[in-house]
PDB file of all heavy atoms in Angstrom:
ATOM      1  N   THR A   1     -44.009 151.382  50.386  1.00  0.00           N
ATOM      2  CA  THR A   1     -43.151 152.479  49.936  1.00  0.00           C
ATOM      3  C   THR A   1     -43.876 153.806  50.074  1.00  0.00           C
ATOM      4  O   THR A   1     -45.005 153.954  49.601  1.00  0.00           O
ATOM      5  CB  THR A   1     -42.745 152.280  48.464  1.00  0.00           C
ATOM      6  OG1 THR A   1     -42.070 151.029  48.337  1.00  0.00           O
ATOM      7  CG2 THR A   1     -41.820 153.394  48.003  1.00  0.00           C
ATOM      8  N   ILE A   2     -43.215 154.767  50.721  1.00  0.00           N
ATOM      9  CA  ILE A   2     -43.788 156.100  50.910  1.00  0.00           C
ATOM     10  C   ILE A   2     -42.704 157.155  50.696  1.00  0.00           C
ATOM     11  O   ILE A   2     -41.516 156.867  50.839  1.00  0.00           O
ATOM     12  CB  ILE A   2     -44.391 156.276  52.324  1.00  0.00           C
ATOM     13  CG1 ILE A   2     -43.335 155.966  53.395  1.00  0.00           C
ATOM     14  CG2 ILE A   2     -45.628 155.418  52.499  1.00  0.00           C
ATOM     15  CD1 ILE A   2     -43.786 156.298  54.821  1.00  0.00           C
ATOM     16  N   PRO A   3     -43.088 158.386  50.387  1.00  0.00           N
ATOM     17  CA  PRO A   3     -42.102 159.465  50.300  1.00  0.00           C
ATOM     18  C   PRO A   3     -41.559 159.815  51.674  1.00  0.00           C
ATOM     19  O   PRO A   3     -42.279 159.719  52.678  1.00  0.00           O
ATOM     20  CB  PRO A   3     -42.897 160.645  49.715  1.00  0.00           C
ATOM     21  CG  PRO A   3     -44.162 160.066  49.192  1.00  0.00           C
ATOM     22  CD  PRO A   3     -44.441 158.843  50.003  1.00  0.00           C
ATOM     23  N   ILE A   4     -40.298 160.189  51.738  1.00  0.00           N
ATOM     24  CA  ILE A   4     -39.740 160.719  52.979  1.00  0.00           C
ATOM     25  C   ILE A   4     -40.523 161.976  53.345  1.00  0.00           C
ATOM     26  O   ILE A   4     -40.758 162.841  52.498  1.00  0.00           O
ATOM     27  CB  ILE A   4     -38.244 161.037  52.811  1.00  0.00           C
ATOM     28  CG1 ILE A   4     -37.451 159.742  52.601  1.00  0.00           C
ATOM     29  CG2 ILE A   4     -37.701 161.803  54.011  1.00  0.00           C
ATOM     30  CD1 ILE A   4     -36.006 159.959  52.218  1.00  0.00           C
ATOM     31  N   GLY A   5     -40.955 162.061  54.589  1.00  0.00           N
ATOM     32  CA  GLY A   5     -41.752 163.200  55.025  1.00  0.00           C
ATOM     33  C   GLY A   5     -43.240 162.936  55.048  1.00  0.00           C
ATOM     34  O   GLY A   5     -44.029 163.800  55.469  1.00  0.00           O
ATOM     35  N   ALA A   6     -43.673 161.737  54.620  1.00  0.00           N
ATOM     36  CA  ALA A   6     -45.096 161.402  54.629  1.00  0.00           C
ATOM     37  C   ALA A   6     -45.617 161.325  56.053  1.00  0.00           C
ATOM     38  O   ALA A   6     -44.921 160.852  56.965  1.00  0.00           O
ATOM     39  CB  ALA A   6     -45.334 160.082  53.904  1.00  0.00           C
ATOM     40  N   THR A   7     -46.850 161.762  56.253  1.00  0.00           N
ATOM     41  CA  THR A   7     -47.495 161.660  57.564  1.00  0.00           C
ATOM     42  C   THR A   7     -48.100 160.270  57.725  1.00  0.00           C
ATOM     43  O   THR A   7     -48.239 159.511  56.765  1.00  0.00           O
ATOM     44  CB  THR A   7     -48.600 162.708  57.704  1.00  0.00           C
ATOM     45  OG1 THR A   7     -49.610 162.450  56.712  1.00  0.00           O
ATOM     46  CG2 THR A   7     -48.052 164.121  57.520  1.00  0.00           C
ATOM     47  N   ALA A   8     -48.500 159.968  58.962  1.00  0.00           N
ATOM     48  CA  ALA A   8     -49.125 158.670  59.238  1.00  0.00           C
ATOM     49  C   ALA A   8     -50.386 158.451  58.396  1.00  0.00           C
ATOM     50  O   ALA A   8     -50.563 157.369  57.823  1.00  0.00           O
ATOM     51  CB  ALA A   8     -49.415 158.540  60.729  1.00  0.00           C
ATOM     52  N   PRO A   9     -51.304 159.436  58.288  1.00  0.00           N
ATOM     53  CA  PRO A   9     -52.473 159.215  57.425  1.00  0.00           C
ATOM     54  C   PRO A   9     -52.097 158.982  55.964  1.00  0.00           C
ATOM     55  O   PRO A   9     -52.713 158.145  55.287  1.00  0.00           O
ATOM     56  CB  PRO A   9     -53.277 160.511  57.584  1.00  0.00           C
ATOM     57  CG  PRO A   9     -52.873 161.051  58.912  1.00  0.00           C
ATOM     58  CD  PRO A   9     -51.423 160.701  59.047  1.00  0.00           C
ATOM     59  N   GLN A  10     -51.102 159.696  55.463  1.00  0.00           N
ATOM     60  CA  GLN A  10     -50.663 159.486  54.079  1.00  0.00           C
ATOM     61  C   GLN A  10     -50.093 158.087  53.894  1.00  0.00           C
ATOM     62  O   GLN A  10     -50.333 157.434  52.869  1.00  0.00           O
ATOM     63  CB  GLN A  10     -49.625 160.545  53.694  1.00  0.00           C
ATOM     64  CG  GLN A  10     -50.210 161.941  53.530  1.00  0.00           C
ATOM     65  CD  GLN A  10     -49.152 163.026  53.415  1.00  0.00           C
ATOM     66  OE1 GLN A  10     -48.000 162.861  53.858  1.00  0.00           O
ATOM     67  NE2 GLN A  10     -49.521 164.153  52.835  1.00  0.00           N
ATOM     68  N   ALA A  11     -49.342 157.618  54.877  1.00  0.00           N
ATOM     69  CA  ALA A  11     -48.794 156.265  54.811  1.00  0.00           C
ATOM     70  C   ALA A  11     -49.918 155.240  54.841  1.00  0.00           C
ATOM     71  O   ALA A  11     -49.885 154.231  54.119  1.00  0.00           O
ATOM     72  CB  ALA A  11     -47.830 156.033  55.973  1.00  0.00           C
ATOM     73  N   ALA A  12     -50.929 155.487  55.657  1.00  0.00           N
ATOM     74  CA  ALA A  12     -52.078 154.582  55.713  1.00  0.00           C
ATOM     75  C   ALA A  12     -52.804 154.546  54.374  1.00  0.00           C
ATOM     76  O   ALA A  12     -53.314 153.503  53.947  1.00  0.00           O
ATOM     77  CB  ALA A  12     -53.026 155.021  56.826  1.00  0.00           C
ATOM     78  N   GLY A  13     -52.842 155.684  53.702  1.00  0.00           N
ATOM     79  CA  GLY A  13     -53.523 155.769  52.403  1.00  0.00           C
ATOM     80  C   GLY A  13     -52.876 154.936  51.323  1.00  0.00           C
ATOM     81  O   GLY A  13     -53.524 154.590  50.334  1.00  0.00           O
ATOM     82  N   VAL A  14     -51.597 154.596  51.495  1.00  0.00           N
ATOM     83  CA  VAL A  14     -50.916 153.731  50.531  1.00  0.00           C
ATOM     84  C   VAL A  14     -51.516 152.328  50.574  1.00  0.00           C
ATOM     85  O   VAL A  14     -51.581 151.628  49.570  1.00  0.00           O
ATOM     86  CB  VAL A  14     -49.397 153.680  50.826  1.00  0.00           C
ATOM     87  CG1 VAL A  14     -48.690 152.649  49.964  1.00  0.00           C
ATOM     88  CG2 VAL A  14     -48.781 155.064  50.605  1.00  0.00           C
ATOM     89  N   ILE A  15     -51.988 151.920  51.758  1.00  0.00           N
ATOM     90  CA  ILE A  15     -52.636 150.615  51.908  1.00  0.00           C
ATOM     91  C   ILE A  15     -54.039 150.659  51.300  1.00  0.00           C
ATOM     92  O   ILE A  15     -54.412 149.814  50.496  1.00  0.00           O
ATOM     93  CB  ILE A  15     -52.715 150.209  53.392  1.00  0.00           C
ATOM     94  CG1 ILE A  15     -51.304 150.129  53.988  1.00  0.00           C
ATOM     95  CG2 ILE A  15     -53.445 148.875  53.554  1.00  0.00           C
ATOM     96  CD1 ILE A  15     -51.289 149.855  55.488  1.00  0.00           C
ATOM     97  N   HIS A  16     -54.808 151.682  51.692  1.00  0.00           N
ATOM     98  CA  HIS A  16     -56.158 151.846  51.154  1.00  0.00           C
ATOM     99  C   HIS A  16     -56.602 153.273  51.435  1.00  0.00           C
ATOM    100  O   HIS A  16     -56.329 153.809  52.521  1.00  0.00           O
ATOM    101  CB  HIS A  16     -57.125 150.851  51.794  1.00  0.00           C
ATOM    102  CG  HIS A  16     -58.420 150.699  51.036  1.00  0.00           C
ATOM    103  ND1 HIS A  16     -59.392 151.674  51.031  1.00  0.00           N
ATOM    104  CD2 HIS A  16     -58.879 149.685  50.246  1.00  0.00           C
ATOM    105  CE1 HIS A  16     -60.416 151.272  50.292  1.00  0.00           C
ATOM    106  NE2 HIS A  16     -60.121 150.062  49.794  1.00  0.00           N
ATOM    107  N   SER A  17     -57.297 153.883  50.510  1.00  0.00           N
ATOM    108  CA  SER A  17     -57.734 155.268  50.694  1.00  0.00           C
ATOM    109  C   SER A  17     -58.645 155.414  51.911  1.00  0.00           C
ATOM    110  O   SER A  17     -58.661 156.470  52.560  1.00  0.00           O
ATOM    111  CB  SER A  17     -58.451 155.766  49.431  1.00  0.00           C
ATOM    112  OG  SER A  17     -59.569 154.946  49.126  1.00  0.00           O
ATOM    113  N   ASP A  18     -59.410 154.358  52.243  1.00  0.00           N
ATOM    114  CA  ASP A  18     -60.270 154.431  53.433  1.00  0.00           C
ATOM    115  C   ASP A  18     -59.456 154.588  54.707  1.00  0.00           C
ATOM    116  O   ASP A  18     -59.912 155.211  55.672  1.00  0.00           O
ATOM    117  CB  ASP A  18     -61.124 153.157  53.547  1.00  0.00           C
ATOM    118  CG  ASP A  18     -62.272 153.136  52.546  1.00  0.00           C
ATOM    119  OD1 ASP A  18     -62.523 154.175  51.912  1.00  0.00           O
ATOM    120  OD2 ASP A  18     -62.905 152.075  52.391  1.00  0.00           O
ATOM    121  N   PHE A  19     -58.249 153.992  54.724  1.00  0.00           N
ATOM    122  CA  PHE A  19     -57.391 154.098  55.905  1.00  0.00           C
ATOM    123  C   PHE A  19     -56.998 155.552  56.154  1.00  0.00           C
ATOM    124  O   PHE A  19     -56.904 155.989  57.307  1.00  0.00           O
ATOM    125  CB  PHE A  19     -56.130 153.253  55.733  1.00  0.00           C
ATOM    126  CG  PHE A  19     -56.325 151.771  55.927  1.00  0.00           C
ATOM    127  CD1 PHE A  19     -57.527 151.169  55.627  1.00  0.00           C
ATOM    128  CD2 PHE A  19     -55.304 150.978  56.417  1.00  0.00           C
ATOM    129  CE1 PHE A  19     -57.714 149.805  55.803  1.00  0.00           C
ATOM    130  CE2 PHE A  19     -55.471 149.611  56.604  1.00  0.00           C
ATOM    131  CZ  PHE A  19     -56.686 149.031  56.291  1.00  0.00           C
ATOM    132  N   GLU A  20     -56.731 156.277  55.081  1.00  0.00           N
ATOM    133  CA  GLU A  20     -56.357 157.687  55.234  1.00  0.00           C
ATOM    134  C   GLU A  20     -57.580 158.524  55.597  1.00  0.00           C
ATOM    135  O   GLU A  20     -57.520 159.385  56.476  1.00  0.00           O
ATOM    136  CB  GLU A  20     -55.723 158.210  53.943  1.00  0.00           C
ATOM    137  CG  GLU A  20     -55.289 159.661  54.033  1.00  0.00           C
ATOM    138  CD  GLU A  20     -54.513 160.128  52.808  1.00  0.00           C
ATOM    139  OE1 GLU A  20     -54.414 159.367  51.821  1.00  0.00           O
ATOM    140  OE2 GLU A  20     -53.983 161.259  52.843  1.00  0.00           O
ATOM    141  N   ARG A  21     -58.685 158.256  54.926  1.00  0.00           N
ATOM    142  CA  ARG A  21     -59.902 159.045  55.151  1.00  0.00           C
ATOM    143  C   ARG A  21     -60.418 158.884  56.579  1.00  0.00           C
ATOM    144  O   ARG A  21     -60.877 159.841  57.193  1.00  0.00           O
ATOM    145  CB  ARG A  21     -60.962 158.615  54.132  1.00  0.00           C
ATOM    146  CG  ARG A  21     -62.254 159.403  54.177  1.00  0.00           C
ATOM    147  CD  ARG A  21     -63.017 159.231  52.866  1.00  0.00           C
ATOM    148  NE  ARG A  21     -63.218 157.808  52.569  1.00  0.00           N
ATOM    149  CZ  ARG A  21     -64.289 157.105  52.970  1.00  0.00           C
ATOM    150  NH1 ARG A  21     -65.223 157.705  53.695  1.00  0.00           N
ATOM    151  NH2 ARG A  21     -64.417 155.841  52.642  1.00  0.00           N
ATOM    152  N   GLY A  22     -60.347 157.645  57.104  1.00  0.00           N
ATOM    153  CA  GLY A  22     -60.882 157.400  58.441  1.00  0.00           C
ATOM    154  C   GLY A  22     -59.827 157.249  59.516  1.00  0.00           C
ATOM    155  O   GLY A  22     -60.094 156.675  60.584  1.00  0.00           O
ATOM    156  N   PHE A  23     -58.636 157.774  59.259  1.00  0.00           N
ATOM    157  CA  PHE A  23     -57.509 157.606  60.194  1.00  0.00           C
ATOM    158  C   PHE A  23     -57.856 158.126  61.584  1.00  0.00           C
ATOM    159  O   PHE A  23     -58.381 159.234  61.748  1.00  0.00           O
ATOM    160  CB  PHE A  23     -56.291 158.347  59.648  1.00  0.00           C
ATOM    161  CG  PHE A  23     -55.073 158.261  60.538  1.00  0.00           C
ATOM    162  CD1 PHE A  23     -54.162 157.231  60.387  1.00  0.00           C
ATOM    163  CD2 PHE A  23     -54.848 159.203  61.532  1.00  0.00           C
ATOM    164  CE1 PHE A  23     -53.040 157.144  61.207  1.00  0.00           C
ATOM    165  CE2 PHE A  23     -53.734 159.135  62.349  1.00  0.00           C
ATOM    166  CZ  PHE A  23     -52.831 158.092  62.182  1.00  0.00           C
ATOM    167  N   ILE A  24     -57.572 157.291  62.594  1.00  0.00           N
ATOM    168  CA  ILE A  24     -57.753 157.711  63.993  1.00  0.00           C
ATOM    169  C   ILE A  24     -56.394 157.896  64.658  1.00  0.00           C
ATOM    170  O   ILE A  24     -56.071 158.965  65.167  1.00  0.00           O
ATOM    171  CB  ILE A  24     -58.583 156.670  64.778  1.00  0.00           C
ATOM    172  CG1 ILE A  24     -59.979 156.541  64.160  1.00  0.00           C
ATOM    173  CG2 ILE A  24     -58.676 157.074  66.252  1.00  0.00           C
ATOM    174  CD1 ILE A  24     -60.818 155.436  64.767  1.00  0.00           C
ATOM    175  N   ARG A  25     -55.591 156.825  64.648  1.00  0.00           N
ATOM    176  CA  ARG A  25     -54.252 156.913  65.220  1.00  0.00           C
ATOM    177  C   ARG A  25     -53.416 155.739  64.710  1.00  0.00           C
ATOM    178  O   ARG A  25     -53.921 154.827  64.049  1.00  0.00           O
ATOM    179  CB  ARG A  25     -54.313 156.876  66.758  1.00  0.00           C
ATOM    180  CG  ARG A  25     -54.831 155.589  67.352  1.00  0.00           C
ATOM    181  CD  ARG A  25     -54.861 155.673  68.886  1.00  0.00           C
ATOM    182  NE  ARG A  25     -55.308 154.424  69.491  1.00  0.00           N
ATOM    183  CZ  ARG A  25     -56.572 154.110  69.733  1.00  0.00           C
ATOM    184  NH1 ARG A  25     -57.527 154.970  69.397  1.00  0.00           N
ATOM    185  NH2 ARG A  25     -56.886 152.957  70.289  1.00  0.00           N
ATOM    186  N   ALA A  26     -52.126 155.787  65.024  1.00  0.00           N
ATOM    187  CA  ALA A  26     -51.216 154.709  64.627  1.00  0.00           C
ATOM    188  C   ALA A  26     -50.429 154.247  65.841  1.00  0.00           C
ATOM    189  O   ALA A  26     -49.989 155.071  66.650  1.00  0.00           O
ATOM    190  CB  ALA A  26     -50.268 155.196  63.541  1.00  0.00           C
ATOM    191  N   GLU A  27     -50.289 152.946  65.964  1.00  0.00           N
ATOM    192  CA  GLU A  27     -49.408 152.373  66.985  1.00  0.00           C
ATOM    193  C   GLU A  27     -48.097 152.022  66.290  1.00  0.00           C
ATOM    194  O   GLU A  27     -48.086 151.259  65.332  1.00  0.00           O
ATOM    195  CB  GLU A  27     -50.046 151.135  67.611  1.00  0.00           C
ATOM    196  CG  GLU A  27     -51.332 151.449  68.362  1.00  0.00           C
ATOM    197  CD  GLU A  27     -51.984 150.194  68.927  1.00  0.00           C
ATOM    198  OE1 GLU A  27     -51.592 149.082  68.499  1.00  0.00           O
ATOM    199  OE2 GLU A  27     -52.875 150.325  69.777  1.00  0.00           O
ATOM    200  N   VAL A  28     -46.994 152.594  66.766  1.00  0.00           N
ATOM    201  CA  VAL A  28     -45.735 152.544  66.026  1.00  0.00           C
ATOM    202  C   VAL A  28     -44.582 152.072  66.905  1.00  0.00           C
ATOM    203  O   VAL A  28     -44.466 152.484  68.067  1.00  0.00           O
ATOM    204  CB  VAL A  28     -45.367 153.945  65.462  1.00  0.00           C
ATOM    205  CG1 VAL A  28     -44.140 153.864  64.561  1.00  0.00           C
ATOM    206  CG2 VAL A  28     -46.542 154.559  64.714  1.00  0.00           C
ATOM    207  N   TYR A  29     -43.757 151.210  66.347  1.00  0.00           N
ATOM    208  CA  TYR A  29     -42.462 150.892  66.937  1.00  0.00           C
ATOM    209  C   TYR A  29     -41.504 150.598  65.794  1.00  0.00           C
ATOM    210  O   TYR A  29     -41.905 150.602  64.624  1.00  0.00           O
ATOM    211  CB  TYR A  29     -42.554 149.712  67.916  1.00  0.00           C
ATOM    212  CG  TYR A  29     -43.034 148.410  67.314  1.00  0.00           C
ATOM    213  CD1 TYR A  29     -42.130 147.452  66.881  1.00  0.00           C
ATOM    214  CD2 TYR A  29     -44.403 148.135  67.190  1.00  0.00           C
ATOM    215  CE1 TYR A  29     -42.571 146.241  66.338  1.00  0.00           C
ATOM    216  CE2 TYR A  29     -44.846 146.940  66.658  1.00  0.00           C
ATOM    217  CZ  TYR A  29     -43.932 146.003  66.225  1.00  0.00           C
ATOM    218  OH  TYR A  29     -44.356 144.820  65.686  1.00  0.00           O
ATOM    219  N   SER A  30     -40.237 150.385  66.087  1.00  0.00           N
ATOM    220  CA  SER A  30     -39.248 150.223  65.027  1.00  0.00           C
ATOM    221  C   SER A  30     -38.744 148.787  64.932  1.00  0.00           C
ATOM    222  O   SER A  30     -38.926 147.982  65.860  1.00  0.00           O
ATOM    223  CB  SER A  30     -38.049 151.151  65.277  1.00  0.00           C
ATOM    224  OG  SER A  30     -37.301 150.695  66.393  1.00  0.00           O
ATOM    225  N   VAL A  31     -38.106 148.472  63.810  1.00  0.00           N
ATOM    226  CA  VAL A  31     -37.478 147.158  63.647  1.00  0.00           C
ATOM    227  C   VAL A  31     -36.420 146.956  64.735  1.00  0.00           C
ATOM    228  O   VAL A  31     -36.283 145.855  65.289  1.00  0.00           O
ATOM    229  CB  VAL A  31     -36.857 147.012  62.246  1.00  0.00           C
ATOM    230  CG1 VAL A  31     -36.075 145.703  62.133  1.00  0.00           C
ATOM    231  CG2 VAL A  31     -37.938 147.065  61.171  1.00  0.00           C
TER     232      VAL A  31
END
């Protein structure tokens, strides 16, 4: 669960703060 408008690093931070701090990139596709 994330707020509408959250960035990829912010979304990663919901999993773990290290994910946001060390974010490099995201591979994304849709359902």
